[in-house]
Amino acid sequence: MTYFKPRAAPLSELKEVNLDMDELEAIRLSDFEEISQTEASKKMNISQSTFQRILKRGRRKIAEAVIKGKALRIKNVLK
């Protein structure tokens, strides 16, 4: 498990936001690799509309963690 959290805040005192593997993969493909949603959805073997929903959900979770000062928990991180 990997966590990203606000600096100088003990993890035990923070609320968590859980980022699912499919959300992380969608964000990686779209935002990090800069692949189009059409191509990224093919790589994930899902429809483009499903990819878009997963991407939106993942981005919202990251925004919540950053804006509200929560820990972001990621399980089974891809290498």
PDB file of N, CA and C in Angstrom:
ATOM      1  N   MET A   1       0.835  -1.177   0.000  1.00  0.00           N
ATOM      2  CA  MET A   1       0.000   0.000   0.000  1.00  0.00           C
ATOM      3  C   MET A   1       0.877   1.237   0.000  1.00  0.00           C
ATOM      4  N   THR A   2       0.430   2.234  -0.690  1.00  0.00           N
ATOM      5  CA  THR A   2       1.152   3.497  -0.749  1.00  0.00           C
ATOM      6  C   THR A   2       0.209   4.617  -0.339  1.00  0.00           C
ATOM      7  N   TYR A   3       0.753   5.540   0.406  1.00  0.00           N
ATOM      8  CA  TYR A   3      -0.013   6.697   0.840  1.00  0.00           C
ATOM      9  C   TYR A   3       0.680   7.974   0.388  1.00  0.00           C
ATOM     10  N   PHE A   4      -0.118   8.964   0.051  1.00  0.00           N
ATOM     11  CA  PHE A   4       0.348  10.330  -0.106  1.00  0.00           C
ATOM     12  C   PHE A   4      -0.446  11.120   0.909  1.00  0.00           C
ATOM     13  N   LYS A   5       0.242  11.953   1.668  1.00  0.00           N
ATOM     14  CA  LYS A   5      -0.437  12.659   2.738  1.00  0.00           C
ATOM     15  C   LYS A   5       0.161  14.035   2.924  1.00  0.00           C
ATOM     16  N   PRO A   6      -0.572  14.916   3.598  1.00  0.00           N
ATOM     17  CA  PRO A   6      -0.017  16.233   3.895  1.00  0.00           C
ATOM     18  C   PRO A   6       1.227  16.107   4.781  1.00  0.00           C
ATOM     19  N   ARG A   7       2.194  16.942   4.528  1.00  0.00           N
ATOM     20  CA  ARG A   7       3.437  16.933   5.286  1.00  0.00           C
ATOM     21  C   ARG A   7       3.183  17.304   6.747  1.00  0.00           C
ATOM     22  N   ALA A   8       3.919  16.679   7.631  1.00  0.00           N
ATOM     23  CA  ALA A   8       3.893  16.942   9.074  1.00  0.00           C
ATOM     24  C   ALA A   8       2.571  16.583   9.739  1.00  0.00           C
ATOM     25  N   ALA A   9       1.730  15.845   9.065  1.00  0.00           N
ATOM     26  CA  ALA A   9       0.472  15.386   9.660  1.00  0.00           C
ATOM     27  C   ALA A   9       0.571  13.879   9.848  1.00  0.00           C
ATOM     28  N   PRO A  10       0.437  13.393  11.086  1.00  0.00           N
ATOM     29  CA  PRO A  10       0.494  11.942  11.294  1.00  0.00           C
ATOM     30  C   PRO A  10      -0.639  11.233  10.550  1.00  0.00           C
ATOM     31  N   LEU A  11      -0.288  10.161   9.877  1.00  0.00           N
ATOM     32  CA  LEU A  11      -1.280   9.408   9.109  1.00  0.00           C
ATOM     33  C   LEU A  11      -2.443   8.964   9.980  1.00  0.00           C
ATOM     34  N   SER A  12      -2.162   8.647  11.223  1.00  0.00           N
ATOM     35  CA  SER A  12      -3.217   8.177  12.139  1.00  0.00           C
ATOM     36  C   SER A  12      -4.263   9.244  12.435  1.00  0.00           C
ATOM     37  N   GLU A  13      -3.942  10.495  12.175  1.00  0.00           N
ATOM     38  CA  GLU A  13      -4.874  11.588  12.452  1.00  0.00           C
ATOM     39  C   GLU A  13      -5.628  12.065  11.213  1.00  0.00           C
ATOM     40  N   LEU A  14      -5.339  11.484  10.068  1.00  0.00           N
ATOM     41  CA  LEU A  14      -5.940  11.940   8.809  1.00  0.00           C
ATOM     42  C   LEU A  14      -7.079  11.044   8.355  1.00  0.00           C
ATOM     43  N   LYS A  15      -8.061  11.646   7.725  1.00  0.00           N
ATOM     44  CA  LYS A  15      -9.074  10.878   7.004  1.00  0.00           C
ATOM     45  C   LYS A  15      -8.437  10.445   5.692  1.00  0.00           C
ATOM     46  N   GLU A  16      -8.948   9.347   5.135  1.00  0.00           N
ATOM     47  CA  GLU A  16      -8.381   8.796   3.906  1.00  0.00           C
ATOM     48  C   GLU A  16      -9.357   8.879   2.750  1.00  0.00           C
ATOM     49  N   VAL A  17      -8.784   8.974   1.563  1.00  0.00           N
ATOM     50  CA  VAL A  17      -9.513   8.810   0.311  1.00  0.00           C
ATOM     51  C   VAL A  17      -8.864   7.618  -0.378  1.00  0.00           C
ATOM     52  N   ASN A  18      -9.656   6.640  -0.780  1.00  0.00           N
ATOM     53  CA  ASN A  18      -9.139   5.432  -1.419  1.00  0.00           C
ATOM     54  C   ASN A  18      -9.223   5.549  -2.932  1.00  0.00           C
ATOM     55  N   LEU A  19      -8.082   5.442  -3.592  1.00  0.00           N
ATOM     56  CA  LEU A  19      -8.010   5.486  -5.044  1.00  0.00           C
ATOM     57  C   LEU A  19      -7.913   4.057  -5.561  1.00  0.00           C
ATOM     58  N   ASP A  20      -8.891   3.643  -6.367  1.00  0.00           N
ATOM     59  CA  ASP A  20      -8.916   2.286  -6.907  1.00  0.00           C
ATOM     60  C   ASP A  20      -7.903   2.138  -8.045  1.00  0.00           C
ATOM     61  N   MET A  21      -7.472   0.906  -8.292  1.00  0.00           N
ATOM     62  CA  MET A  21      -6.485   0.642  -9.341  1.00  0.00           C
ATOM     63  C   MET A  21      -6.961   1.095 -10.718  1.00  0.00           C
ATOM     64  N   ASP A  22      -8.248   0.907 -11.030  1.00  0.00           N
ATOM     65  CA  ASP A  22      -8.727   1.336 -12.343  1.00  0.00           C
ATOM     66  C   ASP A  22      -8.699   2.857 -12.462  1.00  0.00           C
ATOM     67  N   GLU A  23      -8.942   3.560 -11.360  1.00  0.00           N
ATOM     68  CA  GLU A  23      -8.860   5.024 -11.376  1.00  0.00           C
ATOM     69  C   GLU A  23      -7.424   5.482 -11.568  1.00  0.00           C
ATOM     70  N   LEU A  24      -6.495   4.842 -10.860  1.00  0.00           N
ATOM     71  CA  LEU A  24      -5.084   5.167 -11.008  1.00  0.00           C
ATOM     72  C   LEU A  24      -4.613   4.910 -12.437  1.00  0.00           C
ATOM     73  N   GLU A  25      -5.013   3.791 -13.003  1.00  0.00           N
ATOM     74  CA  GLU A  25      -4.607   3.459 -14.375  1.00  0.00           C
ATOM     75  C   GLU A  25      -5.182   4.454 -15.370  1.00  0.00           C
ATOM     76  N   ALA A  26      -6.422   4.847 -15.201  1.00  0.00           N
ATOM     77  CA  ALA A  26      -7.036   5.835 -16.106  1.00  0.00           C
ATOM     78  C   ALA A  26      -6.306   7.167 -16.022  1.00  0.00           C
ATOM     79  N   ILE A  27      -5.967   7.592 -14.814  1.00  0.00           N
ATOM     80  CA  ILE A  27      -5.235   8.848 -14.632  1.00  0.00           C
ATOM     81  C   ILE A  27      -3.838   8.735 -15.234  1.00  0.00           C
ATOM     82  N   ARG A  28      -3.197   7.596 -15.026  1.00  0.00           N
ATOM     83  CA  ARG A  28      -1.854   7.392 -15.594  1.00  0.00           C
ATOM     84  C   ARG A  28      -1.878   7.494 -17.111  1.00  0.00           C
ATOM     85  N   LEU A  29      -2.821   6.803 -17.732  1.00  0.00           N
ATOM     86  CA  LEU A  29      -2.899   6.808 -19.194  1.00  0.00           C
ATOM     87  C   LEU A  29      -3.263   8.180 -19.745  1.00  0.00           C
ATOM     88  N   SER A  30      -4.247   8.815 -19.143  1.00  0.00           N
ATOM     89  CA  SER A  30      -4.738  10.089 -19.656  1.00  0.00           C
ATOM     90  C   SER A  30      -3.823  11.261 -19.319  1.00  0.00           C
ATOM     91  N   ASP A  31      -3.466  11.392 -18.061  1.00  0.00           N
ATOM     92  CA  ASP A  31      -2.746  12.579 -17.615  1.00  0.00           C
ATOM     93  C   ASP A  31      -1.229  12.439 -17.662  1.00  0.00           C
ATOM     94  N   PHE A  32      -0.709  11.268 -17.358  1.00  0.00           N
ATOM     95  CA  PHE A  32       0.735  11.073 -17.341  1.00  0.00           C
ATOM     96  C   PHE A  32       1.264  10.679 -18.723  1.00  0.00           C
ATOM     97  N   GLU A  33       0.631   9.678 -19.330  1.00  0.00           N
ATOM     98  CA  GLU A  33       1.059   9.222 -20.656  1.00  0.00           C
ATOM     99  C   GLU A  33       0.489  10.084 -21.781  1.00  0.00           C
ATOM    100  N   GLU A  34      -0.515  10.895 -21.458  1.00  0.00           N
ATOM    101  CA  GLU A  34      -1.190  11.793 -22.415  1.00  0.00           C
ATOM    102  C   GLU A  34      -1.751  11.035 -23.619  1.00  0.00           C
ATOM    103  N   ILE A  35      -2.376   9.906 -23.336  1.00  0.00           N
ATOM    104  CA  ILE A  35      -3.021   9.096 -24.368  1.00  0.00           C
ATOM    105  C   ILE A  35      -4.483   9.543 -24.481  1.00  0.00           C
ATOM    106  N   SER A  36      -5.022   9.533 -25.676  1.00  0.00           N
ATOM    107  CA  SER A  36      -6.421   9.923 -25.859  1.00  0.00           C
ATOM    108  C   SER A  36      -7.340   8.950 -25.112  1.00  0.00           C
ATOM    109  N   GLN A  37      -8.528   9.437 -24.769  1.00  0.00           N
ATOM    110  CA  GLN A  37      -9.474   8.579 -24.061  1.00  0.00           C
ATOM    111  C   GLN A  37      -9.866   7.375 -24.900  1.00  0.00           C
ATOM    112  N   THR A  38      -9.948   7.546 -26.195  1.00  0.00           N
ATOM    113  CA  THR A  38     -10.291   6.423 -27.082  1.00  0.00           C
ATOM    114  C   THR A  38      -9.222   5.337 -27.001  1.00  0.00           C
ATOM    115  N   GLU A  39      -7.968   5.731 -27.139  1.00  0.00           N
ATOM    116  CA  GLU A  39      -6.871   4.758 -27.098  1.00  0.00           C
ATOM    117  C   GLU A  39      -6.725   4.161 -25.693  1.00  0.00           C
ATOM    118  N   ALA A  40      -6.849   5.000 -24.671  1.00  0.00           N
ATOM    119  CA  ALA A  40      -6.713   4.522 -23.292  1.00  0.00           C
ATOM    120  C   ALA A  40      -7.804   3.521 -22.934  1.00  0.00           C
ATOM    121  N   SER A  41      -9.021   3.781 -23.386  1.00  0.00           N
ATOM    122  CA  SER A  41     -10.114   2.847 -23.100  1.00  0.00           C
ATOM    123  C   SER A  41      -9.866   1.499 -23.764  1.00  0.00           C
ATOM    124  N   LYS A  42      -9.260   1.508 -24.943  1.00  0.00           N
ATOM    125  CA  LYS A  42      -8.914   0.252 -25.616  1.00  0.00           C
ATOM    126  C   LYS A  42      -7.852  -0.507 -24.818  1.00  0.00           C
ATOM    127  N   LYS A  43      -6.859   0.215 -24.293  1.00  0.00           N
ATOM    128  CA  LYS A  43      -5.809  -0.425 -23.499  1.00  0.00           C
ATOM    129  C   LYS A  43      -6.376  -1.059 -22.229  1.00  0.00           C
ATOM    130  N   MET A  44      -7.437  -0.439 -21.670  1.00  0.00           N
ATOM    131  CA  MET A  44      -8.050  -0.964 -20.450  1.00  0.00           C
ATOM    132  C   MET A  44      -9.183  -1.949 -20.751  1.00  0.00           C
ATOM    133  N   ASN A  45      -9.465  -2.158 -22.035  1.00  0.00           N
ATOM    134  CA  ASN A  45     -10.540  -3.062 -22.462  1.00  0.00           C
ATOM    135  C   ASN A  45     -11.907  -2.673 -21.892  1.00  0.00           C
ATOM    136  N   ILE A  46     -12.192  -1.378 -21.952  1.00  0.00           N
ATOM    137  CA  ILE A  46     -13.488  -0.862 -21.510  1.00  0.00           C
ATOM    138  C   ILE A  46     -13.980   0.143 -22.540  1.00  0.00           C
ATOM    139  N   SER A  47     -15.255   0.494 -22.456  1.00  0.00           N
ATOM    140  CA  SER A  47     -15.789   1.487 -23.379  1.00  0.00           C
ATOM    141  C   SER A  47     -15.242   2.871 -23.025  1.00  0.00           C
ATOM    142  N   GLN A  48     -15.289   3.778 -23.997  1.00  0.00           N
ATOM    143  CA  GLN A  48     -14.796   5.128 -23.757  1.00  0.00           C
ATOM    144  C   GLN A  48     -15.636   5.837 -22.692  1.00  0.00           C
ATOM    145  N   SER A  49     -16.931   5.600 -22.682  1.00  0.00           N
ATOM    146  CA  SER A  49     -17.771   6.242 -21.667  1.00  0.00           C
ATOM    147  C   SER A  49     -17.445   5.723 -20.259  1.00  0.00           C
ATOM    148  N   THR A  50     -17.149   4.429 -20.152  1.00  0.00           N
ATOM    149  CA  THR A  50     -16.746   3.875 -18.859  1.00  0.00           C
ATOM    150  C   THR A  50     -15.397   4.454 -18.442  1.00  0.00           C
ATOM    151  N   PHE A  51     -14.472   4.556 -19.389  1.00  0.00           N
ATOM    152  CA  PHE A  51     -13.172   5.158 -19.099  1.00  0.00           C
ATOM    153  C   PHE A  51     -13.346   6.579 -18.579  1.00  0.00           C
ATOM    154  N   GLN A  52     -14.197   7.345 -19.233  1.00  0.00           N
ATOM    155  CA  GLN A  52     -14.424   8.731 -18.833  1.00  0.00           C
ATOM    156  C   GLN A  52     -14.982   8.816 -17.408  1.00  0.00           C
ATOM    157  N   ARG A  53     -15.904   7.925 -17.065  1.00  0.00           N
ATOM    158  CA  ARG A  53     -16.471   7.914 -15.706  1.00  0.00           C
ATOM    159  C   ARG A  53     -15.407   7.556 -14.666  1.00  0.00           C
ATOM    160  N   ILE A  54     -14.579   6.551 -14.974  1.00  0.00           N
ATOM    161  CA  ILE A  54     -13.512   6.137 -14.052  1.00  0.00           C
ATOM    162  C   ILE A  54     -12.504   7.274 -13.867  1.00  0.00           C
ATOM    163  N   LEU A  55     -12.122   7.919 -14.954  1.00  0.00           N
ATOM    164  CA  LEU A  55     -11.176   9.027 -14.909  1.00  0.00           C
ATOM    165  C   LEU A  55     -11.722  10.182 -14.067  1.00  0.00           C
ATOM    166  N   LYS A  56     -12.970  10.521 -14.278  1.00  0.00           N
ATOM    167  CA  LYS A  56     -13.603  11.607 -13.523  1.00  0.00           C
ATOM    168  C   LYS A  56     -13.637  11.279 -12.030  1.00  0.00           C
ATOM    169  N   ARG A  57     -13.977  10.042 -11.696  1.00  0.00           N
ATOM    170  CA  ARG A  57     -14.053   9.606 -10.302  1.00  0.00           C
ATOM    171  C   ARG A  57     -12.667   9.672  -9.648  1.00  0.00           C
ATOM    172  N   GLY A  58     -11.643   9.213 -10.357  1.00  0.00           N
ATOM    173  CA  GLY A  58     -10.279   9.247  -9.826  1.00  0.00           C
ATOM    174  C   GLY A  58      -9.763  10.659  -9.625  1.00  0.00           C
ATOM    175  N   ARG A  59     -10.003  11.526 -10.593  1.00  0.00           N
ATOM    176  CA  ARG A  59      -9.572  12.921 -10.468  1.00  0.00           C
ATOM    177  C   ARG A  59     -10.265  13.602  -9.294  1.00  0.00           C
ATOM    178  N   ARG A  60     -11.536  13.301  -9.104  1.00  0.00           N
ATOM    179  CA  ARG A  60     -12.280  13.903  -7.990  1.00  0.00           C
ATOM    180  C   ARG A  60     -11.691  13.458  -6.649  1.00  0.00           C
ATOM    181  N   LYS A  61     -11.331  12.195  -6.546  1.00  0.00           N
ATOM    182  CA  LYS A  61     -10.743  11.689  -5.303  1.00  0.00           C
ATOM    183  C   LYS A  61      -9.408  12.366  -5.011  1.00  0.00           C
ATOM    184  N   ILE A  62      -8.587  12.545  -6.030  1.00  0.00           N
ATOM    185  CA  ILE A  62      -7.306  13.222  -5.837  1.00  0.00           C
ATOM    186  C   ILE A  62      -7.541  14.671  -5.424  1.00  0.00           C
ATOM    187  N   ALA A  63      -8.472  15.339  -6.076  1.00  0.00           N
ATOM    188  CA  ALA A  63      -8.790  16.723  -5.718  1.00  0.00           C
ATOM    189  C   ALA A  63      -9.287  16.818  -4.279  1.00  0.00           C
ATOM    190  N   GLU A  64     -10.134  15.884  -3.863  1.00  0.00           N
ATOM    191  CA  GLU A  64     -10.639  15.876  -2.489  1.00  0.00           C
ATOM    192  C   GLU A  64      -9.490  15.744  -1.491  1.00  0.00           C
ATOM    193  N   ALA A  65      -8.565  14.830  -1.765  1.00  0.00           N
ATOM    194  CA  ALA A  65      -7.434  14.626  -0.856  1.00  0.00           C
ATOM    195  C   ALA A  65      -6.580  15.888  -0.754  1.00  0.00           C
ATOM    196  N   VAL A  66      -6.316  16.538  -1.871  1.00  0.00           N
ATOM    197  CA  VAL A  66      -5.469  17.732  -1.872  1.00  0.00           C
ATOM    198  C   VAL A  66      -6.195  18.914  -1.222  1.00  0.00           C
ATOM    199  N   ILE A  67      -7.421  19.148  -1.597  1.00  0.00           N
ATOM    200  CA  ILE A  67      -8.163  20.318  -1.112  1.00  0.00           C
ATOM    201  C   ILE A  67      -8.537  20.193   0.363  1.00  0.00           C
ATOM    202  N   LYS A  68      -8.915  18.994   0.790  1.00  0.00           N
ATOM    203  CA  LYS A  68      -9.355  18.811   2.175  1.00  0.00           C
ATOM    204  C   LYS A  68      -8.256  18.277   3.093  1.00  0.00           C
ATOM    205  N   GLY A  69      -7.045  18.124   2.582  1.00  0.00           N
ATOM    206  CA  GLY A  69      -5.931  17.685   3.415  1.00  0.00           C
ATOM    207  C   GLY A  69      -6.071  16.263   3.928  1.00  0.00           C
ATOM    208  N   LYS A  70      -6.553  15.371   3.068  1.00  0.00           N
ATOM    209  CA  LYS A  70      -6.718  13.967   3.447  1.00  0.00           C
ATOM    210  C   LYS A  70      -5.566  13.136   2.892  1.00  0.00           C
ATOM    211  N   ALA A  71      -5.361  11.968   3.481  1.00  0.00           N
ATOM    212  CA  ALA A  71      -4.382  11.025   2.955  1.00  0.00           C
ATOM    213  C   ALA A  71      -4.994  10.326   1.743  1.00  0.00           C
ATOM    214  N   LEU A  72      -4.180  10.092   0.736  1.00  0.00           N
ATOM    215  CA  LEU A  72      -4.621   9.375  -0.465  1.00  0.00           C
ATOM    216  C   LEU A  72      -4.012   7.987  -0.394  1.00  0.00           C
ATOM    217  N   ARG A  73      -4.857   6.982  -0.308  1.00  0.00           N
ATOM    218  CA  ARG A  73      -4.405   5.596  -0.188  1.00  0.00           C
ATOM    219  C   ARG A  73      -4.501   4.909  -1.549  1.00  0.00           C
ATOM    220  N   ILE A  74      -3.400   4.306  -1.967  1.00  0.00           N
ATOM    221  CA  ILE A  74      -3.353   3.588  -3.241  1.00  0.00           C
ATOM    222  C   ILE A  74      -2.861   2.181  -2.955  1.00  0.00           C
ATOM    223  N   LYS A  75      -3.630   1.191  -3.398  1.00  0.00           N
ATOM    224  CA  LYS A  75      -3.235  -0.198  -3.196  1.00  0.00           C
ATOM    225  C   LYS A  75      -2.685  -0.777  -4.497  1.00  0.00           C
ATOM    226  N   ASN A  76      -1.707  -1.672  -4.371  1.00  0.00           N
ATOM    227  CA  ASN A  76      -1.167  -2.398  -5.532  1.00  0.00           C
ATOM    228  C   ASN A  76      -0.752  -1.467  -6.653  1.00  0.00           C
ATOM    229  N   VAL A  77       0.094  -0.518  -6.369  1.00  0.00           N
ATOM    230  CA  VAL A  77       0.516   0.482  -7.334  1.00  0.00           C
ATOM    231  C   VAL A  77       1.219  -0.167  -8.517  1.00  0.00           C
ATOM    232  N   LEU A  78       0.881   0.269  -9.724  1.00  0.00           N
ATOM    233  CA  LEU A  78       1.534  -0.228 -10.935  1.00  0.00           C
ATOM    234  C   LEU A  78       2.957   0.305 -11.000  1.00  0.00           C
ATOM    235  N   LYS A  79       3.834  -0.458 -11.608  1.00  0.00           N
ATOM    236  CA  LYS A  79       5.240  -0.011 -11.732  1.00  0.00           C
ATOM    237  C   LYS A  79       5.478   0.590 -13.070  1.00  0.00           C
TER     238      LYS A  79
END
